[in-house]
């Protein structure tokens, strides 16, 4: 996976699609919430169900990006 391709990717868990991804060995890491996504056979697996959530988080709704999105939605 080259750097130009990686620069185009965004975290699929981020409702605003603002969080970038960086490579860390055989996985991609979200810049916003630090969720990890596997790389299999050289391809990123950006399926939310395949994500390894940060420590202490059991569901996607607990992620900071989702809490921000919910606050924005309720403020409008």
C-alpha atoms as a PDB file:
ATOM      1  CA  UNK A   1       0.000   0.000   0.000  1.00  0.00           C
ATOM      2  CA  UNK A   2       1.621   3.259  -1.070  1.00  0.00           C
ATOM      3  CA  UNK A   3       1.529   6.590   0.760  1.00  0.00           C
ATOM      4  CA  UNK A   4      -0.721   8.288  -1.828  1.00  0.00           C
ATOM      5  CA  UNK A   5      -3.386   5.602  -1.396  1.00  0.00           C
ATOM      6  CA  UNK A   6      -3.077   5.706   2.390  1.00  0.00           C
ATOM      7  CA  UNK A   7      -3.503   9.503   2.391  1.00  0.00           C
ATOM      8  CA  UNK A   8      -6.933   9.097   0.769  1.00  0.00           C
ATOM      9  CA  UNK A   9      -8.275   6.665   3.369  1.00  0.00           C
ATOM     10  CA  UNK A  10     -10.468   7.776   6.260  1.00  0.00           C
ATOM     11  CA  UNK A  11     -11.658   5.892   9.317  1.00  0.00           C
ATOM     12  CA  UNK A  12     -14.977   4.166   8.543  1.00  0.00           C
ATOM     13  CA  UNK A  13     -16.023   4.537  12.187  1.00  0.00           C
ATOM     14  CA  UNK A  14     -15.834   8.349  12.065  1.00  0.00           C
ATOM     15  CA  UNK A  15     -19.299   9.672  11.092  1.00  0.00           C
ATOM     16  CA  UNK A  16     -17.724  12.848   9.666  1.00  0.00           C
ATOM     17  CA  UNK A  17     -15.009  10.889   7.772  1.00  0.00           C
ATOM     18  CA  UNK A  18     -12.368  13.349   8.994  1.00  0.00           C
ATOM     19  CA  UNK A  19     -10.013  10.984  10.853  1.00  0.00           C
ATOM     20  CA  UNK A  20      -7.054   9.771   8.828  1.00  0.00           C
ATOM     21  CA  UNK A  21      -5.375   6.391   9.083  1.00  0.00           C
ATOM     22  CA  UNK A  22      -1.701   5.605   9.565  1.00  0.00           C
ATOM     23  CA  UNK A  23       0.133   2.352   9.110  1.00  0.00           C
ATOM     24  CA  UNK A  24       1.462   0.486  12.120  1.00  0.00           C
ATOM     25  CA  UNK A  25       3.025  -2.788  11.010  1.00  0.00           C
ATOM     26  CA  UNK A  26       0.162  -5.005   9.746  1.00  0.00           C
ATOM     27  CA  UNK A  27      -2.681  -2.692  10.701  1.00  0.00           C
ATOM     28  CA  UNK A  28      -4.021   0.804  10.200  1.00  0.00           C
ATOM     29  CA  UNK A  29      -4.660   3.083  13.169  1.00  0.00           C
ATOM     30  CA  UNK A  30      -7.284   5.844  13.296  1.00  0.00           C
ATOM     31  CA  UNK A  31      -5.862   9.281  14.119  1.00  0.00           C
ATOM     32  CA  UNK A  32      -9.019  10.179  16.005  1.00  0.00           C
ATOM     33  CA  UNK A  33      -9.935   7.247  18.220  1.00  0.00           C
ATOM     34  CA  UNK A  34      -6.969   4.859  17.752  1.00  0.00           C
ATOM     35  CA  UNK A  35      -9.161   1.994  16.518  1.00  0.00           C
ATOM     36  CA  UNK A  36      -7.062  -0.582  14.649  1.00  0.00           C
ATOM     37  CA  UNK A  37      -7.955  -2.139  11.292  1.00  0.00           C
ATOM     38  CA  UNK A  38      -6.154  -5.208   9.938  1.00  0.00           C
ATOM     39  CA  UNK A  39      -4.225  -5.369   6.693  1.00  0.00           C
ATOM     40  CA  UNK A  40      -4.728  -8.728   5.001  1.00  0.00           C
ATOM     41  CA  UNK A  41      -2.783  -9.764   1.924  1.00  0.00           C
ATOM     42  CA  UNK A  42      -1.638  -6.166   1.506  1.00  0.00           C
ATOM     43  CA  UNK A  43      -5.162  -4.702   1.551  1.00  0.00           C
ATOM     44  CA  UNK A  44      -6.733  -2.718   4.380  1.00  0.00           C
ATOM     45  CA  UNK A  45      -9.880  -4.254   5.856  1.00  0.00           C
ATOM     46  CA  UNK A  46     -11.958  -1.168   6.677  1.00  0.00           C
ATOM     47  CA  UNK A  47     -15.033  -3.039   7.814  1.00  0.00           C
ATOM     48  CA  UNK A  48     -16.319  -1.661  11.131  1.00  0.00           C
ATOM     49  CA  UNK A  49     -16.924  -5.170  12.498  1.00  0.00           C
ATOM     50  CA  UNK A  50     -13.242  -5.996  11.891  1.00  0.00           C
ATOM     51  CA  UNK A  51     -11.977  -3.015  13.924  1.00  0.00           C
ATOM     52  CA  UNK A  52     -10.210  -3.497  17.216  1.00  0.00           C
ATOM     53  CA  UNK A  53     -11.608  -0.758  19.444  1.00  0.00           C
ATOM     54  CA  UNK A  54      -9.395   1.166  21.878  1.00  0.00           C
ATOM     55  CA  UNK A  55      -8.937  -0.195  25.401  1.00  0.00           C
ATOM     56  CA  UNK A  56     -11.982   0.272  27.599  1.00  0.00           C
ATOM     57  CA  UNK A  57     -14.415   0.697  24.700  1.00  0.00           C
ATOM     58  CA  UNK A  58     -16.841  -2.095  23.974  1.00  0.00           C
ATOM     59  CA  UNK A  59     -18.985  -0.507  21.278  1.00  0.00           C
ATOM     60  CA  UNK A  60     -18.651   2.063  18.513  1.00  0.00           C
ATOM     61  CA  UNK A  61     -21.079   4.468  20.190  1.00  0.00           C
ATOM     62  CA  UNK A  62     -18.467   5.011  22.936  1.00  0.00           C
ATOM     63  CA  UNK A  63     -15.884   6.418  20.508  1.00  0.00           C
ATOM     64  CA  UNK A  64     -15.133  10.150  20.732  1.00  0.00           C
ATOM     65  CA  UNK A  65     -16.133  10.751  17.111  1.00  0.00           C
ATOM     66  CA  UNK A  66     -19.578   9.241  17.715  1.00  0.00           C
ATOM     67  CA  UNK A  67     -20.128  11.203  20.903  1.00  0.00           C
ATOM     68  CA  UNK A  68     -19.256  14.443  19.031  1.00  0.00           C
ATOM     69  CA  UNK A  69     -21.600  13.545  16.167  1.00  0.00           C
ATOM     70  CA  UNK A  70     -24.438  12.855  18.610  1.00  0.00           C
ATOM     71  CA  UNK A  71     -23.885  16.190  20.375  1.00  0.00           C
ATOM     72  CA  UNK A  72     -23.977  18.015  17.011  1.00  0.00           C
ATOM     73  CA  UNK A  73     -27.143  16.186  16.008  1.00  0.00           C
ATOM     74  CA  UNK A  74     -28.900  17.031  19.266  1.00  0.00           C
ATOM     75  CA  UNK A  75     -27.736  20.678  19.169  1.00  0.00           C
ATOM     76  CA  UNK A  76     -29.467  21.289  15.830  1.00  0.00           C
END
